[in-house]
Amino acid sequence: MASPGGTSSGSSLLHNLGSHEDLQALMEQKKRKRMISNRESARRSRMRKQKQVSDLITELSQLKKENNQLIMLLSITTQRCAAMKAENSILMAQAMELSYALESFNETAHSMRGSNLRSNMSMWDGPQLTDSFMSPWNLRHINQSIMASAEDILYY
């Protein structure tokens, strides 16, 4: 005997089976959607990482170029410094030589003035030594050049 409840229970069982299949299909669809989303996210992540690496390579290249320029500038500056030190040493030696020459000249001039005064007192008022000879700033009569090389100066 077929009861109306039995048929309805059979159709509800079929309906439950359909609902279970629908649920499975829905879960499959969500799973595929999540996989696609994950793949897209991974692709974006790889692209970001690739861009970061590319930016770092560009920055590295720029820093290497700047470093080479600074090394060259340091080398030039070091060479100029060494040249200036050598030139300074030469100029200092020349200044010392000139100072000694001036001191010697002043002593000679002072000595000559003293002997002139003594001779003037004992002798007549004749012609005196010219002022150009006695002036320490008029050194036309000294015609000696001072020469020194950087190598000579560096050993003192």
Foldseek 3Di string as FASTA:
>chain_A
DDDPVVVVVVVVVVVVVVVVVVVVVVVVVVVVVVVVVVVVVVVVVVVVVVVVVVVVVVVVVVVVVVVVVVVVVVVVVVVVVVVVVLVVLLVVVVVVVVVVVLVVLQVVLVVQVVVVVVVCVVDPPDDDPDVLSSDSVNPPVDDDDDDDGSVRRVVD
